[in-house]
């Protein structure tokens, strides 16, 4: 993170701590509304992913031993 970004964040926090309450309240309400919009957008994205189902990659067997089914002798007829 760039030093300018850190300084900006510090200035924003100082504004909320020491600024005139009327201005701080207005800015807080705006930021709160924007964050709710972003969170709703993320929730909608998650719903779309949930509708498609989870995507899983098939695991490749790494051990050299055959599974129990493969190791069992064929049934005698």
Protein backbone atom coordinates (compact mmCIF):
# COMPACT_ATOMS: atom_id res chain seq x y z
CA UNK A 1 0.00 0.00 0.00
CA UNK A 2 1.37 3.38 -0.95
CA UNK A 3 2.23 5.91 1.73
CA UNK A 4 -0.23 8.40 0.22
CA UNK A 5 -3.06 5.91 0.68
CA UNK A 6 -2.18 5.39 4.33
CA UNK A 7 -2.09 9.15 4.89
CA UNK A 8 -5.49 9.50 3.20
CA UNK A 9 -6.95 6.87 5.49
CA UNK A 10 -5.53 8.60 8.56
CA UNK A 11 -6.99 11.92 7.43
CA UNK A 12 -10.39 10.31 6.90
CA UNK A 13 -10.32 8.78 10.38
CA UNK A 14 -9.32 12.14 11.88
CA UNK A 15 -12.24 13.76 10.04
CA UNK A 16 -14.68 11.31 11.62
CA UNK A 17 -13.13 11.78 15.06
CA UNK A 18 -12.75 15.56 15.12
CA UNK A 19 -14.95 17.02 12.37
CA UNK A 20 -18.15 18.96 12.93
CA UNK A 21 -20.81 16.43 13.91
CA UNK A 22 -23.27 17.67 11.27
CA UNK A 23 -20.79 17.08 8.43
CA UNK A 24 -19.56 13.80 9.88
CA UNK A 25 -23.12 12.52 10.14
CA UNK A 26 -23.90 13.37 6.51
CA UNK A 27 -20.70 11.76 5.21
CA UNK A 28 -21.24 8.70 7.40
CA UNK A 29 -24.76 8.21 6.03
CA UNK A 30 -23.49 8.46 2.46
CA UNK A 31 -20.69 5.95 3.09
CA UNK A 32 -23.08 3.63 4.91
CA UNK A 33 -25.53 3.65 1.97
CA UNK A 34 -22.74 2.96 -0.53
CA UNK A 35 -21.39 0.06 1.52
CA UNK A 36 -24.87 -1.48 1.76
CA UNK A 37 -25.11 -1.30 -2.05
CA UNK A 38 -21.76 -3.05 -2.38
CA UNK A 39 -22.72 -5.75 0.11
CA UNK A 40 -26.02 -6.37 -1.71
CA UNK A 41 -24.09 -6.72 -4.96
CA UNK A 42 -21.80 -9.30 -3.41
CA UNK A 43 -24.77 -11.21 -2.00
CA UNK A 44 -26.36 -11.33 -5.46
CA UNK A 45 -23.09 -12.65 -6.92
CA UNK A 46 -23.00 -15.36 -4.26
CA UNK A 47 -26.61 -16.31 -5.06
CA UNK A 48 -25.71 -16.71 -8.73
CA UNK A 49 -22.81 -18.97 -7.81
CA UNK A 50 -25.04 -20.96 -5.47
CA UNK A 51 -27.58 -21.53 -8.26
CA UNK A 52 -24.88 -22.96 -10.52
CA UNK A 53 -23.58 -25.14 -7.71
CA UNK A 54 -20.09 -25.44 -6.37
CA UNK A 55 -17.29 -25.98 -8.82
CA UNK A 56 -14.94 -28.73 -7.75
CA UNK A 57 -11.95 -30.09 -9.51
CA UNK A 58 -11.59 -33.82 -9.67
CA UNK A 59 -8.88 -35.08 -7.37
CA UNK A 60 -6.19 -37.28 -8.86
CA UNK A 61 -5.10 -40.27 -6.85
CA UNK A 62 -1.55 -39.80 -5.71
CA UNK A 63 -0.98 -43.01 -3.77
CA UNK A 64 0.26 -46.13 -5.52
CA UNK A 65 -2.10 -48.49 -3.66
CA UNK A 66 -5.24 -49.54 -5.52
CA UNK A 67 -8.58 -48.84 -3.89
CA UNK A 68 -10.35 -51.64 -2.02
CA UNK A 69 -12.67 -52.20 -4.95
CA UNK A 70 -9.76 -52.54 -7.36
CA UNK A 71 -7.74 -54.77 -5.00
CA UNK A 72 -10.61 -57.16 -4.21
CA UNK A 73 -10.63 -60.35 -6.29
CA UNK A 74 -13.54 -60.70 -8.73
CA UNK A 75 -16.51 -62.63 -7.34
CA UNK A 76 -16.48 -66.34 -8.18
CA UNK A 77 -19.35 -67.52 -10.32
